Amino acid sequence: MEISSSVRILSSTKGLGGRDQDPIVPTNSEAPEKMKLKQFEGLFGDLEQFSYPKVELEQYPTGLRIASRMLFTRIHMKT
């Protein structure tokens, strides 16, 4: 699996007129391979959790530290 050189996080929110929108949270120009764990935590810090998670779909929220550690580890894995 190839990791793109720019990390983008999508979050569904209600836009004007009540329509769903998927805004892109831009990152700095630094390549993900050079980012520190704290920078990944910052990417996830402003995202909203599920308002009404559906247990039958296993929509459990993943904590900030776990999500950032997963992404950080995946990007820095040696293949």
N, C-alpha and C. Protein backbone atom coordinates (compact mmCIF):
# COMPACT_ATOMS: atom_id res chain seq x y z
N MET A 1 0.85 -1.18 0.00
CA MET A 1 0.00 0.00 0.00
C MET A 1 0.89 1.23 0.00
N GLU A 2 0.57 2.15 -0.87
CA GLU A 2 1.36 3.37 -0.98
C GLU A 2 0.67 4.50 -0.22
N ILE A 3 1.44 5.24 0.53
CA ILE A 3 0.93 6.40 1.26
C ILE A 3 1.22 7.63 0.42
N SER A 4 0.19 8.43 0.16
CA SER A 4 0.40 9.63 -0.65
C SER A 4 1.26 10.63 0.12
N SER A 5 1.83 11.57 -0.62
CA SER A 5 2.73 12.54 0.01
C SER A 5 1.97 13.62 0.78
N SER A 6 0.68 13.69 0.63
CA SER A 6 -0.08 14.66 1.43
C SER A 6 -1.17 13.93 2.18
N VAL A 7 -1.26 14.20 3.47
CA VAL A 7 -2.26 13.56 4.32
C VAL A 7 -3.47 14.46 4.38
N ARG A 8 -4.63 13.89 4.09
CA ARG A 8 -5.87 14.66 4.18
C ARG A 8 -6.85 13.85 5.01
N ILE A 9 -7.56 14.52 5.87
CA ILE A 9 -8.53 13.86 6.72
C ILE A 9 -9.91 14.40 6.37
N LEU A 10 -10.85 13.50 6.14
CA LEU A 10 -12.19 13.91 5.77
C LEU A 10 -13.12 13.79 6.96
N SER A 11 -13.99 14.74 7.09
CA SER A 11 -14.95 14.75 8.19
C SER A 11 -16.27 15.27 7.64
N SER A 12 -17.34 14.51 7.78
CA SER A 12 -18.63 14.93 7.26
C SER A 12 -19.27 15.94 8.21
N THR A 13 -19.67 17.07 7.66
CA THR A 13 -20.34 18.10 8.46
C THR A 13 -21.51 18.65 7.66
N LYS A 14 -22.39 19.33 8.33
CA LYS A 14 -23.52 19.98 7.66
C LYS A 14 -23.06 21.34 7.17
N GLY A 15 -23.26 21.58 5.88
CA GLY A 15 -22.90 22.86 5.31
C GLY A 15 -24.11 23.78 5.24
N LEU A 16 -24.00 24.83 4.47
CA LEU A 16 -25.10 25.76 4.30
C LEU A 16 -26.28 25.04 3.69
N GLY A 17 -27.44 25.30 4.16
CA GLY A 17 -28.64 24.65 3.64
C GLY A 17 -28.84 23.25 4.19
N GLY A 18 -28.04 22.83 5.16
CA GLY A 18 -28.21 21.53 5.77
C GLY A 18 -27.68 20.36 4.96
N ARG A 19 -26.95 20.63 3.88
CA ARG A 19 -26.42 19.55 3.05
C ARG A 19 -25.13 19.03 3.66
N ASP A 20 -24.89 17.71 3.48
CA ASP A 20 -23.64 17.13 3.95
C ASP A 20 -22.50 17.59 3.07
N GLN A 21 -21.38 17.92 3.69
CA GLN A 21 -20.18 18.29 2.98
C GLN A 21 -19.01 17.52 3.57
N ASP A 22 -17.99 17.30 2.79
CA ASP A 22 -16.79 16.63 3.26
C ASP A 22 -15.61 17.57 3.12
N PRO A 23 -15.39 18.45 4.10
CA PRO A 23 -14.26 19.38 4.01
C PRO A 23 -12.94 18.65 4.20
N ILE A 24 -11.92 19.14 3.56
CA ILE A 24 -10.59 18.57 3.70
C ILE A 24 -9.81 19.44 4.66
N VAL A 25 -9.25 18.81 5.67
CA VAL A 25 -8.43 19.52 6.64
C VAL A 25 -7.01 19.49 6.11
N PRO A 26 -6.49 20.63 5.63
CA PRO A 26 -5.16 20.62 5.04
C PRO A 26 -4.07 20.45 6.09
N THR A 27 -2.99 19.85 5.67
CA THR A 27 -1.84 19.70 6.54
C THR A 27 -0.79 20.71 6.12
N ASN A 28 0.28 20.75 6.86
CA ASN A 28 1.38 21.60 6.42
C ASN A 28 2.03 20.94 5.22
N SER A 29 2.99 21.59 4.61
CA SER A 29 3.61 21.08 3.39
C SER A 29 4.62 19.97 3.65
N GLU A 30 4.82 19.62 4.91
CA GLU A 30 5.79 18.59 5.27
C GLU A 30 5.29 17.21 4.86
N ALA A 31 6.18 16.38 4.34
CA ALA A 31 5.84 15.02 3.95
C ALA A 31 5.49 14.21 5.19
N PRO A 32 4.48 13.33 5.11
CA PRO A 32 4.07 12.53 6.27
C PRO A 32 5.22 11.73 6.88
N GLU A 33 6.15 11.29 6.05
CA GLU A 33 7.27 10.49 6.55
C GLU A 33 8.17 11.29 7.50
N LYS A 34 8.11 12.62 7.41
CA LYS A 34 8.96 13.46 8.25
C LYS A 34 8.21 14.06 9.44
N MET A 35 6.91 13.79 9.52
CA MET A 35 6.11 14.37 10.60
C MET A 35 6.32 13.62 11.90
N LYS A 36 6.20 14.33 13.00
CA LYS A 36 6.32 13.73 14.34
C LYS A 36 4.94 13.30 14.82
N LEU A 37 4.94 12.43 15.82
CA LEU A 37 3.69 11.90 16.35
C LEU A 37 2.77 13.03 16.82
N LYS A 38 3.31 14.05 17.45
CA LYS A 38 2.50 15.18 17.93
C LYS A 38 1.79 15.89 16.77
N GLN A 39 2.44 15.94 15.61
CA GLN A 39 1.81 16.57 14.45
C GLN A 39 0.61 15.75 13.98
N PHE A 40 0.73 14.42 14.02
CA PHE A 40 -0.40 13.57 13.66
C PHE A 40 -1.54 13.75 14.66
N GLU A 41 -1.21 13.87 15.94
CA GLU A 41 -2.24 14.10 16.96
C GLU A 41 -2.97 15.41 16.67
N GLY A 42 -2.24 16.41 16.20
CA GLY A 42 -2.86 17.68 15.85
C GLY A 42 -3.84 17.56 14.70
N LEU A 43 -3.55 16.66 13.76
CA LEU A 43 -4.45 16.45 12.63
C LEU A 43 -5.81 15.92 13.09
N PHE A 44 -5.78 15.04 14.08
CA PHE A 44 -7.01 14.41 14.56
C PHE A 44 -7.70 15.23 15.64
N GLY A 45 -7.02 16.20 16.21
CA GLY A 45 -7.53 16.92 17.36
C GLY A 45 -8.83 17.66 17.16
N ASP A 46 -9.08 18.17 15.96
CA ASP A 46 -10.27 18.98 15.72
C ASP A 46 -11.44 18.21 15.11
N LEU A 47 -11.26 16.92 14.86
CA LEU A 47 -12.34 16.14 14.26
C LEU A 47 -13.43 15.83 15.27
N GLU A 48 -14.66 15.86 14.81
CA GLU A 48 -15.79 15.54 15.68
C GLU A 48 -16.00 14.02 15.70
N GLN A 49 -16.47 13.51 16.83
CA GLN A 49 -16.79 12.09 16.92
C GLN A 49 -18.21 11.88 16.42
N PHE A 50 -18.59 10.62 16.26
CA PHE A 50 -19.95 10.30 15.84
C PHE A 50 -20.95 10.92 16.80
N SER A 51 -21.97 11.56 16.25
CA SER A 51 -23.04 12.07 17.10
C SER A 51 -23.91 10.93 17.59
N TYR A 52 -24.24 10.04 16.68
CA TYR A 52 -25.09 8.89 17.00
C TYR A 52 -24.48 7.64 16.37
N PRO A 53 -23.45 7.06 16.98
CA PRO A 53 -22.83 5.87 16.39
C PRO A 53 -23.81 4.70 16.35
N LYS A 54 -23.71 3.91 15.29
CA LYS A 54 -24.57 2.74 15.13
C LYS A 54 -23.78 1.51 15.55
N VAL A 55 -24.15 0.94 16.67
CA VAL A 55 -23.45 -0.21 17.21
C VAL A 55 -23.50 -1.37 16.24
N GLU A 56 -24.63 -1.55 15.54
CA GLU A 56 -24.75 -2.66 14.60
C GLU A 56 -23.77 -2.54 13.43
N LEU A 57 -23.29 -1.32 13.15
CA LEU A 57 -22.27 -1.10 12.13
C LEU A 57 -20.87 -1.01 12.73
N GLU A 58 -20.80 -1.25 14.02
CA GLU A 58 -19.54 -1.19 14.77
C GLU A 58 -18.84 0.16 14.59
N GLN A 59 -19.59 1.23 14.72
CA GLN A 59 -19.06 2.58 14.60
C GLN A 59 -18.61 3.07 15.97
N TYR A 60 -17.55 2.51 16.46
CA TYR A 60 -17.02 2.91 17.75
C TYR A 60 -15.97 3.99 17.54
N PRO A 61 -15.98 5.04 18.34
CA PRO A 61 -14.96 6.08 18.17
C PRO A 61 -13.58 5.58 18.59
N THR A 62 -12.59 5.97 17.82
CA THR A 62 -11.20 5.64 18.14
C THR A 62 -10.57 6.89 18.74
N GLY A 63 -9.92 6.73 19.86
CA GLY A 63 -9.31 7.86 20.54
C GLY A 63 -8.22 8.53 19.72
N LEU A 64 -7.99 9.79 20.04
CA LEU A 64 -7.00 10.62 19.35
C LEU A 64 -5.62 9.97 19.35
N ARG A 65 -5.17 9.52 20.51
CA ARG A 65 -3.82 8.95 20.60
C ARG A 65 -3.69 7.64 19.83
N ILE A 66 -4.73 6.82 19.88
CA ILE A 66 -4.68 5.54 19.16
C ILE A 66 -4.69 5.78 17.65
N ALA A 67 -5.58 6.65 17.17
CA ALA A 67 -5.66 6.92 15.74
C ALA A 67 -4.36 7.52 15.20
N SER A 68 -3.80 8.46 15.92
CA SER A 68 -2.56 9.08 15.46
C SER A 68 -1.40 8.09 15.51
N ARG A 69 -1.36 7.24 16.52
CA ARG A 69 -0.30 6.23 16.62
C ARG A 69 -0.42 5.22 15.48
N MET A 70 -1.66 4.83 15.13
CA MET A 70 -1.86 3.88 14.03
C MET A 70 -1.34 4.46 12.72
N LEU A 71 -1.69 5.71 12.42
CA LEU A 71 -1.24 6.34 11.18
C LEU A 71 0.27 6.54 11.19
N PHE A 72 0.80 7.02 12.29
CA PHE A 72 2.25 7.24 12.42
C PHE A 72 3.02 5.93 12.21
N THR A 73 2.55 4.86 12.85
CA THR A 73 3.22 3.56 12.74
C THR A 73 3.14 3.04 11.31
N ARG A 74 1.98 3.16 10.68
CA ARG A 74 1.82 2.66 9.30
C ARG A 74 2.75 3.40 8.35
N ILE A 75 2.85 4.68 8.47
CA ILE A 75 3.69 5.47 7.56
C ILE A 75 5.17 5.15 7.78
N HIS A 76 5.56 4.88 9.02
CA HIS A 76 6.97 4.64 9.32
C HIS A 76 7.36 3.16 9.31
N MET A 77 6.45 2.29 8.89
CA MET A 77 6.77 0.85 8.82
C MET A 77 7.77 0.60 7.69
N LYS A 78 8.67 -0.28 7.93
CA LYS A 78 9.61 -0.71 6.89
C LYS A 78 9.00 -1.92 6.20
N THR A 79 8.93 -1.89 4.87
CA THR A 79 8.36 -3.03 4.14
C THR A 79 9.42 -3.78 3.38
